[in-house]
Amino acid sequence: MIIGNGQIARAFKRKKILFKNEIIFASGYANSKNQKKIEFKREIDLLQNILKKNKKKKLFYFSTL
């Protein structure tokens, strides 16, 4: 499972590898100067929901922030 649409996530998607037991979490937002707490909360909520639904999968978390 690949989460995200940025450069890192797209690089994994191009490889066309099926990640059945892994979560590639490469989500985020492009504006690294963002100060809005709501944007950070959105990412935290997304990560928490993914982890709750996939407790047995290994997580690989990528961040450029």
N, C-alpha and C. Protein backbone atom coordinates (compact mmCIF):
# COMPACT_ATOMS: atom_id res chain seq x y z
N MET A 1 0.85 -1.16 0.00
CA MET A 1 0.00 0.00 0.00
C MET A 1 0.90 1.24 0.00
N ILE A 2 0.62 2.14 -0.91
CA ILE A 2 1.38 3.38 -0.99
C ILE A 2 0.43 4.55 -0.75
N ILE A 3 0.77 5.36 0.24
CA ILE A 3 -0.05 6.52 0.58
C ILE A 3 0.73 7.77 0.18
N GLY A 4 0.13 8.60 -0.66
CA GLY A 4 0.76 9.84 -1.06
C GLY A 4 0.76 10.02 -2.57
N ASN A 5 1.01 11.25 -3.00
CA ASN A 5 1.03 11.59 -4.42
C ASN A 5 2.23 12.42 -4.81
N GLY A 6 3.13 12.66 -3.89
CA GLY A 6 4.30 13.48 -4.16
C GLY A 6 5.39 12.70 -4.86
N GLN A 7 6.57 13.28 -4.94
CA GLN A 7 7.69 12.67 -5.66
C GLN A 7 8.08 11.31 -5.12
N ILE A 8 8.15 11.19 -3.82
CA ILE A 8 8.56 9.92 -3.22
C ILE A 8 7.52 8.84 -3.49
N ALA A 9 6.26 9.15 -3.25
CA ALA A 9 5.20 8.17 -3.49
C ALA A 9 5.14 7.78 -4.96
N ARG A 10 5.27 8.74 -5.86
CA ARG A 10 5.24 8.44 -7.30
C ARG A 10 6.41 7.54 -7.71
N ALA A 11 7.56 7.73 -7.08
CA ALA A 11 8.72 6.88 -7.39
C ALA A 11 8.42 5.43 -7.03
N PHE A 12 7.77 5.20 -5.90
CA PHE A 12 7.38 3.84 -5.53
C PHE A 12 6.33 3.29 -6.48
N LYS A 13 5.36 4.12 -6.84
CA LYS A 13 4.29 3.67 -7.74
C LYS A 13 4.82 3.30 -9.11
N ARG A 14 5.83 4.01 -9.59
CA ARG A 14 6.41 3.70 -10.91
C ARG A 14 7.06 2.33 -10.95
N LYS A 15 7.55 1.88 -9.81
CA LYS A 15 8.20 0.56 -9.75
C LYS A 15 7.19 -0.58 -9.90
N LYS A 16 5.91 -0.26 -9.70
CA LYS A 16 4.82 -1.23 -9.84
C LYS A 16 5.03 -2.48 -8.98
N ILE A 17 5.55 -2.26 -7.80
CA ILE A 17 5.72 -3.34 -6.83
C ILE A 17 4.49 -3.35 -5.93
N LEU A 18 3.92 -4.53 -5.72
CA LEU A 18 2.78 -4.63 -4.82
C LEU A 18 3.29 -4.79 -3.39
N PHE A 19 2.98 -3.84 -2.57
CA PHE A 19 3.37 -3.88 -1.16
C PHE A 19 2.19 -4.46 -0.38
N LYS A 20 2.18 -5.78 -0.22
CA LYS A 20 1.06 -6.45 0.43
C LYS A 20 1.15 -6.38 1.95
N ASN A 21 2.35 -6.43 2.48
CA ASN A 21 2.53 -6.45 3.94
C ASN A 21 3.21 -5.19 4.45
N GLU A 22 3.29 -4.19 3.61
CA GLU A 22 3.96 -2.94 3.99
C GLU A 22 3.08 -1.74 3.64
N ILE A 23 3.30 -0.68 4.39
CA ILE A 23 2.67 0.60 4.09
C ILE A 23 3.80 1.58 3.80
N ILE A 24 3.79 2.14 2.62
CA ILE A 24 4.73 3.20 2.25
C ILE A 24 3.96 4.50 2.46
N PHE A 25 4.27 5.21 3.52
CA PHE A 25 3.56 6.44 3.84
C PHE A 25 4.45 7.61 3.43
N ALA A 26 4.13 8.19 2.29
CA ALA A 26 4.90 9.31 1.75
C ALA A 26 3.94 10.43 1.42
N SER A 27 3.08 10.72 2.35
CA SER A 27 2.07 11.76 2.18
C SER A 27 2.62 13.07 2.72
N GLY A 28 1.86 14.11 2.55
CA GLY A 28 2.28 15.41 3.06
C GLY A 28 1.76 16.52 2.19
N TYR A 29 2.31 17.69 2.34
CA TYR A 29 1.89 18.82 1.53
C TYR A 29 3.12 19.56 1.07
N ALA A 30 2.97 20.24 -0.04
CA ALA A 30 4.12 20.83 -0.71
C ALA A 30 4.70 22.05 -0.01
N ASN A 31 3.89 22.77 0.72
CA ASN A 31 4.34 24.02 1.33
C ASN A 31 5.00 23.75 2.69
N SER A 32 6.30 23.65 2.71
CA SER A 32 7.01 23.35 3.97
C SER A 32 7.04 24.54 4.92
N LYS A 33 6.64 25.71 4.46
CA LYS A 33 6.58 26.89 5.33
C LYS A 33 5.22 27.04 6.01
N ASN A 34 4.37 26.08 5.79
CA ASN A 34 3.02 26.13 6.34
C ASN A 34 3.06 26.18 7.87
N GLN A 35 2.24 27.03 8.44
CA GLN A 35 2.15 27.16 9.90
C GLN A 35 0.78 26.73 10.43
N LYS A 36 -0.11 26.30 9.55
CA LYS A 36 -1.48 25.96 9.94
C LYS A 36 -1.53 24.61 10.64
N LYS A 37 -2.01 24.62 11.88
CA LYS A 37 -2.08 23.38 12.66
C LYS A 37 -3.05 22.38 12.04
N ILE A 38 -4.07 22.87 11.37
CA ILE A 38 -5.07 21.99 10.77
C ILE A 38 -4.43 21.07 9.72
N GLU A 39 -3.44 21.58 8.99
CA GLU A 39 -2.76 20.76 7.98
C GLU A 39 -1.94 19.64 8.63
N PHE A 40 -1.29 19.95 9.73
CA PHE A 40 -0.53 18.93 10.45
C PHE A 40 -1.47 17.89 11.04
N LYS A 41 -2.59 18.35 11.59
CA LYS A 41 -3.57 17.44 12.17
C LYS A 41 -4.14 16.50 11.12
N ARG A 42 -4.36 17.02 9.92
CA ARG A 42 -4.88 16.19 8.84
C ARG A 42 -3.93 15.02 8.55
N GLU A 43 -2.64 15.31 8.52
CA GLU A 43 -1.64 14.26 8.27
C GLU A 43 -1.58 13.26 9.42
N ILE A 44 -1.64 13.76 10.64
CA ILE A 44 -1.63 12.87 11.81
C ILE A 44 -2.85 11.97 11.79
N ASP A 45 -4.01 12.54 11.51
CA ASP A 45 -5.24 11.75 11.45
C ASP A 45 -5.17 10.68 10.36
N LEU A 46 -4.66 11.05 9.20
CA LEU A 46 -4.53 10.10 8.11
C LEU A 46 -3.62 8.94 8.52
N LEU A 47 -2.48 9.25 9.10
CA LEU A 47 -1.54 8.21 9.53
C LEU A 47 -2.17 7.31 10.58
N GLN A 48 -2.85 7.89 11.56
CA GLN A 48 -3.48 7.09 12.62
C GLN A 48 -4.56 6.17 12.05
N ASN A 49 -5.35 6.67 11.12
CA ASN A 49 -6.39 5.83 10.51
C ASN A 49 -5.80 4.69 9.71
N ILE A 50 -4.75 4.96 8.97
CA ILE A 50 -4.09 3.91 8.19
C ILE A 50 -3.53 2.83 9.12
N LEU A 51 -2.90 3.26 10.22
CA LEU A 51 -2.32 2.31 11.16
C LEU A 51 -3.38 1.46 11.85
N LYS A 52 -4.51 2.07 12.20
CA LYS A 52 -5.60 1.32 12.85
C LYS A 52 -6.14 0.24 11.93
N LYS A 53 -6.23 0.53 10.64
CA LYS A 53 -6.81 -0.42 9.69
C LYS A 53 -5.81 -1.47 9.22
N ASN A 54 -4.54 -1.27 9.50
CA ASN A 54 -3.48 -2.16 8.99
C ASN A 54 -2.48 -2.50 10.07
N LYS A 55 -2.95 -3.03 11.17
CA LYS A 55 -2.11 -3.27 12.34
C LYS A 55 -0.98 -4.26 12.11
N LYS A 56 -1.12 -5.15 11.17
CA LYS A 56 -0.10 -6.18 10.98
C LYS A 56 0.91 -5.83 9.90
N LYS A 57 0.74 -4.69 9.27
CA LYS A 57 1.66 -4.30 8.20
C LYS A 57 2.81 -3.47 8.75
N LYS A 58 3.95 -3.59 8.10
CA LYS A 58 5.13 -2.81 8.46
C LYS A 58 5.02 -1.43 7.84
N LEU A 59 5.34 -0.40 8.62
CA LEU A 59 5.23 0.99 8.15
C LEU A 59 6.59 1.54 7.77
N PHE A 60 6.65 2.15 6.59
CA PHE A 60 7.81 2.92 6.15
C PHE A 60 7.34 4.35 5.96
N TYR A 61 7.82 5.24 6.80
CA TYR A 61 7.34 6.63 6.81
C TYR A 61 8.41 7.53 6.18
N PHE A 62 8.01 8.27 5.15
CA PHE A 62 8.92 9.20 4.49
C PHE A 62 8.40 10.60 4.67
N SER A 63 9.33 11.51 4.98
CA SER A 63 8.97 12.91 5.13
C SER A 63 10.11 13.78 4.60
N THR A 64 9.75 14.84 3.92
CA THR A 64 10.76 15.78 3.44
C THR A 64 10.72 17.07 4.23
N LEU A 65 9.86 17.12 5.24
CA LEU A 65 9.70 18.34 6.04
C LEU A 65 10.84 18.46 7.02
